[in-house]
Amino acid sequence: MPYRQHRDDLLVPLPRRSSDARTAPHVDEVTTAHIPVLNVASADRLCRLHRVRGVCQNAITAIDAALDGHRQDGMQ
């Protein structure tokens, strides 16, 4: 996949807006486009790349805590 640069990057489908479907009649309203979603590993790489480690580290910590909380809720 040309848009997947790192093995840890995730890709998810994003539904197109219905207004997009109206402008292109051959496009079904439920068609999807792939967009990159940052996970903790790729967010960390991005932070190092842009040298904003302190700000990003807070965001990474918050994301990681939210994911851990979600995992624990699912296990109960």
C-alpha atoms as a PDB file:
ATOM      1  CA  MET A   1       0.000   0.000   0.000  1.00  0.00           C
ATOM      2  CA  PRO A   2       1.623   3.275  -1.032  1.00  0.00           C
ATOM      3  CA  TYR A   3       0.047   5.267   1.810  1.00  0.00           C
ATOM      4  CA  ARG A   4       1.281   2.919   4.535  1.00  0.00           C
ATOM      5  CA  GLN A   5       4.812   3.990   5.392  1.00  0.00           C
ATOM      6  CA  HIS A   6       5.412   2.220   8.699  1.00  0.00           C
ATOM      7  CA  ARG A   7       4.430  -1.227   9.820  1.00  0.00           C
ATOM      8  CA  ASP A   8       2.769   0.163  12.995  1.00  0.00           C
ATOM      9  CA  ASP A   9       0.562   2.689  11.184  1.00  0.00           C
ATOM     10  CA  LEU A  10      -3.124   1.846  11.075  1.00  0.00           C
ATOM     11  CA  LEU A  11      -5.540   2.495   8.253  1.00  0.00           C
ATOM     12  CA  VAL A  12      -9.290   2.816   8.628  1.00  0.00           C
ATOM     13  CA  PRO A  13     -12.069   3.465   6.149  1.00  0.00           C
ATOM     14  CA  LEU A  14     -13.834   6.819   6.333  1.00  0.00           C
ATOM     15  CA  PRO A  15     -17.364   7.103   4.922  1.00  0.00           C
ATOM     16  CA  ARG A  16     -17.744   9.751   2.261  1.00  0.00           C
ATOM     17  CA  ARG A  17     -20.186  12.574   2.818  1.00  0.00           C
ATOM     18  CA  SER A  18     -23.456  12.191   0.958  1.00  0.00           C
ATOM     19  CA  SER A  19     -22.757  15.539  -0.758  1.00  0.00           C
ATOM     20  CA  ASP A  20     -19.663  13.946  -2.357  1.00  0.00           C
ATOM     21  CA  ALA A  21     -21.799  11.128  -3.706  1.00  0.00           C
ATOM     22  CA  ARG A  22     -24.200  13.599  -5.321  1.00  0.00           C
ATOM     23  CA  THR A  23     -21.392  15.295  -7.246  1.00  0.00           C
ATOM     24  CA  ALA A  24     -20.183  11.962  -8.596  1.00  0.00           C
ATOM     25  CA  PRO A  25     -23.188   9.752  -9.418  1.00  0.00           C
ATOM     26  CA  HIS A  26     -20.982   6.711 -10.030  1.00  0.00           C
ATOM     27  CA  VAL A  27     -19.778   6.882  -6.398  1.00  0.00           C
ATOM     28  CA  ASP A  28     -21.866   4.958  -3.919  1.00  0.00           C
ATOM     29  CA  GLU A  29     -22.629   6.802  -0.669  1.00  0.00           C
ATOM     30  CA  VAL A  30     -21.013   4.066   1.378  1.00  0.00           C
ATOM     31  CA  THR A  31     -17.700   4.031  -0.477  1.00  0.00           C
ATOM     32  CA  THR A  32     -14.708   4.612   1.740  1.00  0.00           C
ATOM     33  CA  ALA A  33     -11.344   6.321   1.535  1.00  0.00           C
ATOM     34  CA  HIS A  34      -8.303   5.169   3.487  1.00  0.00           C
ATOM     35  CA  ILE A  35      -6.866   7.658   5.956  1.00  0.00           C
ATOM     36  CA  PRO A  36      -3.897   7.140   8.277  1.00  0.00           C
ATOM     37  CA  VAL A  37      -4.655   6.922  11.991  1.00  0.00           C
ATOM     38  CA  LEU A  38      -1.857   7.489  14.471  1.00  0.00           C
ATOM     39  CA  ASN A  39      -1.203   4.843  17.031  1.00  0.00           C
ATOM     40  CA  VAL A  40       1.230   5.378  19.892  1.00  0.00           C
ATOM     41  CA  ALA A  41       4.283   4.156  17.955  1.00  0.00           C
ATOM     42  CA  SER A  42       3.656   6.280  14.868  1.00  0.00           C
ATOM     43  CA  ALA A  43       2.696   9.304  17.005  1.00  0.00           C
ATOM     44  CA  ASP A  44       6.003   8.955  18.825  1.00  0.00           C
ATOM     45  CA  ARG A  45       7.898   8.904  15.500  1.00  0.00           C
ATOM     46  CA  LEU A  46       5.988  11.979  14.338  1.00  0.00           C
ATOM     47  CA  CYS A  47       6.830  13.830  17.559  1.00  0.00           C
ATOM     48  CA  ARG A  48      10.523  13.060  17.224  1.00  0.00           C
ATOM     49  CA  LEU A  49      10.438  14.131  13.596  1.00  0.00           C
ATOM     50  CA  HIS A  50       8.916  17.514  14.435  1.00  0.00           C
ATOM     51  CA  ARG A  51      10.908  18.056  17.652  1.00  0.00           C
ATOM     52  CA  VAL A  52       7.879  18.778  19.813  1.00  0.00           C
ATOM     53  CA  ARG A  53       8.487  15.910  22.171  1.00  0.00           C
ATOM     54  CA  GLY A  54       7.164  17.509  25.391  1.00  0.00           C
ATOM     55  CA  VAL A  55       3.767  18.429  23.985  1.00  0.00           C
ATOM     56  CA  CYS A  56       3.420  15.178  22.077  1.00  0.00           C
ATOM     57  CA  GLN A  57       4.462  13.063  25.031  1.00  0.00           C
ATOM     58  CA  ASN A  58       1.497  14.422  26.991  1.00  0.00           C
ATOM     59  CA  ALA A  59      -0.819  13.511  24.117  1.00  0.00           C
ATOM     60  CA  ILE A  60       0.722  10.055  23.764  1.00  0.00           C
ATOM     61  CA  THR A  61       0.345   9.450  27.506  1.00  0.00           C
ATOM     62  CA  ALA A  62      -3.314  10.511  27.364  1.00  0.00           C
ATOM     63  CA  ILE A  63      -4.012   8.297  24.338  1.00  0.00           C
ATOM     64  CA  ASP A  64      -2.265   5.345  25.946  1.00  0.00           C
ATOM     65  CA  ALA A  65      -4.197   5.800  29.206  1.00  0.00           C
ATOM     66  CA  ALA A  66      -7.487   6.009  27.308  1.00  0.00           C
ATOM     67  CA  LEU A  67      -6.663   2.845  25.376  1.00  0.00           C
ATOM     68  CA  ASP A  68      -5.712   1.024  28.582  1.00  0.00           C
ATOM     69  CA  GLY A  69      -8.972   2.131  30.207  1.00  0.00           C
ATOM     70  CA  HIS A  70     -10.936   0.934  27.185  1.00  0.00           C
ATOM     71  CA  ARG A  71      -9.172  -2.441  27.257  1.00  0.00           C
ATOM     72  CA  GLN A  72      -9.859  -2.849  30.984  1.00  0.00           C
ATOM     73  CA  ASP A  73     -13.545  -1.943  30.531  1.00  0.00           C
ATOM     74  CA  GLY A  74     -13.840  -4.596  27.853  1.00  0.00           C
ATOM     75  CA  MET A  75     -12.305  -7.261  30.083  1.00  0.00           C
ATOM     76  CA  GLN A  76     -14.727  -6.766  32.983  1.00  0.00           C
END
